[in-house]
Amino acid sequence: MADKQRSARPGTGAKRKAADAVVSPDDCDPARCPCDDAACSLSRYVRTTQAANGDEDHHTLEATEQAVAERLSGLSIDMSAMAVISNVYRAANAVRNHVERTVLAPHDLTWTGWVVLWVIWIWGDIESRHVAAEAGISKGTLTGVQNTLMSRGLVKRRVHPDDARRVLLSLTPKGQKLMSSVFPEFNAVEALMSEDLDDDAKLATARALRAIVKKAENA
């Protein structure tokens, strides 16, 4: 794999210059890694995590940066925008995977099941179609999830009093107890994931992400 990675490195000329603009270990300020702009490299961060994981046979962030720089050479690209959105996606998936392994798995919950429970817990008696919308899943997916949660005695359903075609979902006492017990564990992971940010940085990050969410939802 090492030979493959070496052969994939940009050569001389315009491609090499484009890669160097993004991938330059000497430009990376350790205090700013992972980096937040095109002038900074993730290479030091990558070497640290790669050594810790003992895995040299996957595409590291460093190798990915090089491949991206080569592929996008000559194109008019907003690198800062790409860095923001790609890292939103990467962060969301990394946190989700960690939470599923450490918090949800011991309670036999999937991420989607947890989100459905959260929505119902927050809103109380709520129509199933609104649960699907709030959870960001299809009605078909919700049907499967709600059936699983109902079989475990966590969720109950009833026909809407004003329209027999509509269904209301709510948590059972068992579901309420589970959420009250598990959410502090979930929040402890949230605190761990953001502990390197001070309060001002947390607020600024939350506001920035909220702006992205609103833009995406209204696009």
Protein backbone atom coordinates (compact mmCIF):
# COMPACT_ATOMS: atom_id res chain seq x y z
CA MET A 1 0.00 0.00 0.00
CA ALA A 2 2.89 2.34 0.75
CA ASP A 3 4.09 1.98 -2.87
CA LYS A 4 0.60 2.75 -4.13
CA GLN A 5 0.40 5.87 -1.98
CA ARG A 6 3.80 7.06 -3.23
CA SER A 7 2.79 6.51 -6.84
CA ALA A 8 -0.40 8.51 -6.25
CA ARG A 9 1.51 11.60 -5.08
CA PRO A 10 1.34 14.55 -7.49
CA GLY A 11 4.33 15.00 -9.73
CA THR A 12 6.00 18.16 -10.90
CA GLY A 13 4.40 21.17 -12.54
CA ALA A 14 0.94 22.62 -11.92
CA LYS A 15 -0.35 19.52 -10.14
CA ARG A 16 2.54 19.54 -7.67
CA LYS A 17 2.03 23.25 -6.99
CA ALA A 18 -1.67 22.70 -6.37
CA ALA A 19 -0.94 19.86 -3.97
CA ASP A 20 1.72 21.81 -2.13
CA ALA A 21 -0.76 24.63 -1.60
CA VAL A 22 -2.92 22.25 0.42
CA VAL A 23 -0.50 19.62 1.69
CA SER A 24 2.43 21.23 3.43
CA PRO A 25 3.29 19.73 6.81
CA ASP A 26 5.47 22.69 7.71
CA ASP A 27 2.48 25.03 7.34
CA CYS A 28 0.43 23.19 9.92
CA ASP A 29 0.26 24.93 13.27
CA PRO A 30 -0.33 22.11 15.81
CA ALA A 31 -2.61 24.42 17.75
CA ARG A 32 -4.88 24.66 14.70
CA CYS A 33 -4.91 21.01 13.63
CA PRO A 34 -7.19 19.68 12.32
CA CYS A 35 -6.87 22.67 10.04
CA ASP A 36 -9.63 25.01 9.01
CA ASP A 37 -8.30 26.48 5.78
CA ALA A 38 -6.51 25.46 2.60
CA ALA A 39 -3.12 26.74 3.78
CA CYS A 40 -2.91 24.24 6.64
CA SER A 41 -2.32 20.52 6.41
CA LEU A 42 -3.83 17.74 8.49
CA SER A 43 -0.64 15.71 8.12
CA ARG A 44 0.56 15.92 11.72
CA TYR A 45 -2.90 15.03 12.99
CA VAL A 46 -3.03 12.17 10.49
CA ARG A 47 0.35 10.76 11.54
CA THR A 48 -0.71 10.81 15.18
CA THR A 49 -4.05 9.09 14.66
CA GLN A 50 -2.61 6.63 12.15
CA ALA A 51 0.08 5.54 14.61
CA ALA A 52 -2.48 5.26 17.40
CA ASN A 53 -4.81 3.14 15.27
CA GLY A 54 -1.99 1.01 13.86
CA ASP A 55 -3.67 1.11 10.46
CA GLU A 56 -1.57 2.05 7.46
CA ASP A 57 -3.72 0.37 4.80
CA HIS A 58 -6.50 2.94 4.54
CA HIS A 59 -6.74 6.32 2.86
CA THR A 60 -5.55 8.80 5.44
CA LEU A 61 -6.69 12.40 5.50
CA GLU A 62 -3.24 13.37 4.23
CA ALA A 63 -3.52 11.06 1.23
CA THR A 64 -7.06 12.29 0.62
CA GLU A 65 -5.87 15.91 0.66
CA GLN A 66 -3.27 15.08 -1.97
CA ALA A 67 -5.80 13.29 -4.15
CA VAL A 68 -8.28 16.17 -3.82
CA ALA A 69 -5.62 18.76 -4.67
CA GLU A 70 -4.61 16.83 -7.79
CA ARG A 71 -8.18 16.20 -8.92
CA LEU A 72 -9.26 19.83 -8.44
CA SER A 73 -6.16 21.40 -9.95
CA GLY A 74 -7.16 24.11 -12.42
CA LEU A 75 -10.78 24.29 -11.26
CA SER A 76 -12.32 27.34 -9.64
CA ILE A 77 -13.13 25.89 -6.22
CA ASP A 78 -14.13 27.54 -2.94
CA MET A 79 -11.77 25.53 -0.73
CA SER A 80 -13.02 27.12 2.49
CA ALA A 81 -16.61 26.16 1.72
CA MET A 82 -15.51 22.64 0.86
CA ALA A 83 -13.58 22.39 4.13
CA VAL A 84 -16.62 23.51 6.14
CA ILE A 85 -19.15 21.13 4.60
CA SER A 86 -16.84 18.12 4.34
CA ASN A 87 -15.89 18.47 7.99
CA VAL A 88 -19.53 18.88 9.05
CA TYR A 89 -20.21 15.54 7.38
CA ARG A 90 -17.07 13.94 8.81
CA ALA A 91 -17.75 15.20 12.33
CA ALA A 92 -21.39 14.11 12.27
CA ASN A 93 -20.49 10.59 11.20
CA ALA A 94 -17.60 10.28 13.64
CA VAL A 95 -19.75 11.37 16.58
CA ARG A 96 -22.63 9.17 15.49
CA ASN A 97 -20.41 6.09 15.20
CA HIS A 98 -18.88 6.76 18.62
CA VAL A 99 -22.26 7.27 20.28
CA GLU A 100 -23.69 4.13 18.72
CA ARG A 101 -20.78 2.05 20.03
CA THR A 102 -20.48 3.52 23.50
CA VAL A 103 -23.96 4.70 24.53
CA LEU A 104 -26.65 3.15 22.37
CA ALA A 105 -25.38 -0.39 21.75
CA PRO A 106 -25.58 -1.39 25.45
CA HIS A 107 -29.27 -0.44 25.34
CA ASP A 108 -29.84 -2.25 22.02
CA LEU A 109 -30.65 1.01 20.25
CA THR A 110 -29.74 2.15 16.76
CA TRP A 111 -29.07 5.79 15.98
CA THR A 112 -32.37 6.09 14.11
CA GLY A 113 -34.26 4.45 16.95
CA TRP A 114 -32.66 6.87 19.38
CA VAL A 115 -33.60 9.89 17.27
CA VAL A 116 -37.21 8.70 17.03
CA LEU A 117 -37.37 8.24 20.80
CA TRP A 118 -35.83 11.69 21.27
CA VAL A 119 -38.42 13.37 19.02
CA ILE A 120 -41.33 11.70 20.80
CA TRP A 121 -39.78 12.39 24.21
CA ILE A 122 -39.45 16.10 23.46
CA TRP A 123 -42.83 16.65 21.79
CA GLY A 124 -44.99 14.18 23.70
CA ASP A 125 -48.12 13.04 21.84
CA ILE A 126 -47.09 13.61 18.22
CA GLU A 127 -48.33 12.51 14.81
CA SER A 128 -46.23 9.85 13.14
CA ARG A 129 -45.75 11.98 10.02
CA HIS A 130 -44.28 14.75 12.14
CA VAL A 131 -41.96 12.26 13.87
CA ALA A 132 -40.63 11.20 10.47
CA ALA A 133 -40.10 14.82 9.43
CA GLU A 134 -38.36 15.79 12.67
CA ALA A 135 -36.16 12.68 12.60
CA GLY A 136 -35.26 13.23 8.93
CA ILE A 137 -36.42 9.78 7.83
CA SER A 138 -39.05 8.44 5.46
CA LYS A 139 -42.47 7.28 6.64
CA GLY A 140 -41.55 3.78 5.57
CA THR A 141 -38.42 3.79 7.70
CA LEU A 142 -40.39 5.17 10.64
CA THR A 143 -42.90 2.33 10.35
CA GLY A 144 -40.18 -0.25 10.84
CA VAL A 145 -38.52 1.66 13.67
CA GLN A 146 -41.76 2.35 15.52
CA ASN A 147 -42.80 -1.30 15.28
CA THR A 148 -39.48 -2.33 16.84
CA LEU A 149 -39.83 0.24 19.62
CA MET A 150 -43.44 -0.78 20.23
CA SER A 151 -42.45 -4.46 20.47
CA ARG A 152 -39.99 -3.46 23.19
CA GLY A 153 -42.69 -1.60 25.09
CA LEU A 154 -41.04 1.80 24.60
CA VAL A 155 -43.58 3.46 22.30
CA LYS A 156 -47.34 3.28 21.99
CA ARG A 157 -49.62 4.44 19.22
CA ARG A 158 -53.24 5.50 19.04
CA VAL A 159 -55.61 6.80 16.41
CA HIS A 160 -55.96 10.57 16.26
CA PRO A 161 -59.30 11.53 17.89
CA ASP A 162 -60.16 13.89 15.04
CA ASP A 163 -59.08 11.74 12.10
CA ALA A 164 -58.91 7.94 12.07
CA ARG A 165 -56.39 8.10 9.20
CA ARG A 166 -53.80 9.80 11.42
CA VAL A 167 -51.70 8.13 14.09
CA LEU A 168 -50.30 9.59 17.29
CA LEU A 169 -47.15 8.24 18.94
CA SER A 170 -46.05 8.66 22.55
CA LEU A 171 -43.62 7.06 24.96
CA THR A 172 -44.70 4.45 27.44
CA PRO A 173 -43.58 4.78 31.08
CA LYS A 174 -40.78 2.35 30.18
CA GLY A 175 -39.77 4.59 27.28
CA GLN A 176 -39.83 7.67 29.48
CA LYS A 177 -37.62 5.93 32.03
CA LEU A 178 -35.16 4.81 29.35
CA MET A 179 -34.78 8.31 27.92
CA SER A 180 -34.32 9.87 31.35
CA SER A 181 -31.63 7.30 32.07
CA VAL A 182 -29.78 7.27 28.74
CA PHE A 183 -29.80 10.93 27.79
CA PRO A 184 -27.30 11.95 30.53
CA GLU A 185 -24.94 9.33 29.06
CA PHE A 186 -25.52 10.76 25.59
CA ASN A 187 -24.90 14.29 26.82
CA ALA A 188 -21.68 13.19 28.53
CA VAL A 189 -20.37 12.17 25.10
CA GLU A 190 -21.48 15.52 23.70
CA ALA A 191 -19.47 17.21 26.44
CA LEU A 192 -16.45 15.00 25.72
CA MET A 193 -16.55 15.69 21.99
CA SER A 194 -16.64 19.47 22.53
CA GLU A 195 -14.39 19.77 25.58
CA ASP A 196 -11.57 21.37 23.59
CA LEU A 197 -13.83 24.33 22.78
CA ASP A 198 -14.43 27.08 25.31
CA ASP A 199 -17.95 28.38 25.88
CA ASP A 200 -17.60 31.15 23.29
CA ALA A 201 -16.34 28.68 20.68
CA LYS A 202 -19.19 26.27 21.42
CA LEU A 203 -21.74 29.03 20.98
CA ALA A 204 -20.11 30.26 17.77
CA THR A 205 -19.99 26.71 16.39
CA ALA A 206 -23.63 26.06 17.26
CA ARG A 207 -24.68 29.30 15.56
CA ALA A 208 -22.62 28.55 12.46
CA LEU A 209 -24.04 25.04 12.15
CA ARG A 210 -27.56 26.36 12.70
CA ALA A 211 -27.04 28.77 9.80
CA ILE A 212 -25.96 25.88 7.55
CA VAL A 213 -28.97 23.82 8.57
CA LYS A 214 -31.36 26.67 7.82
CA LYS A 215 -29.73 27.31 4.46
CA ALA A 216 -30.01 23.63 3.51
CA GLU A 217 -33.62 23.33 4.68
CA ASN A 218 -34.69 26.46 2.80
CA ALA A 219 -32.70 25.80 -0.37
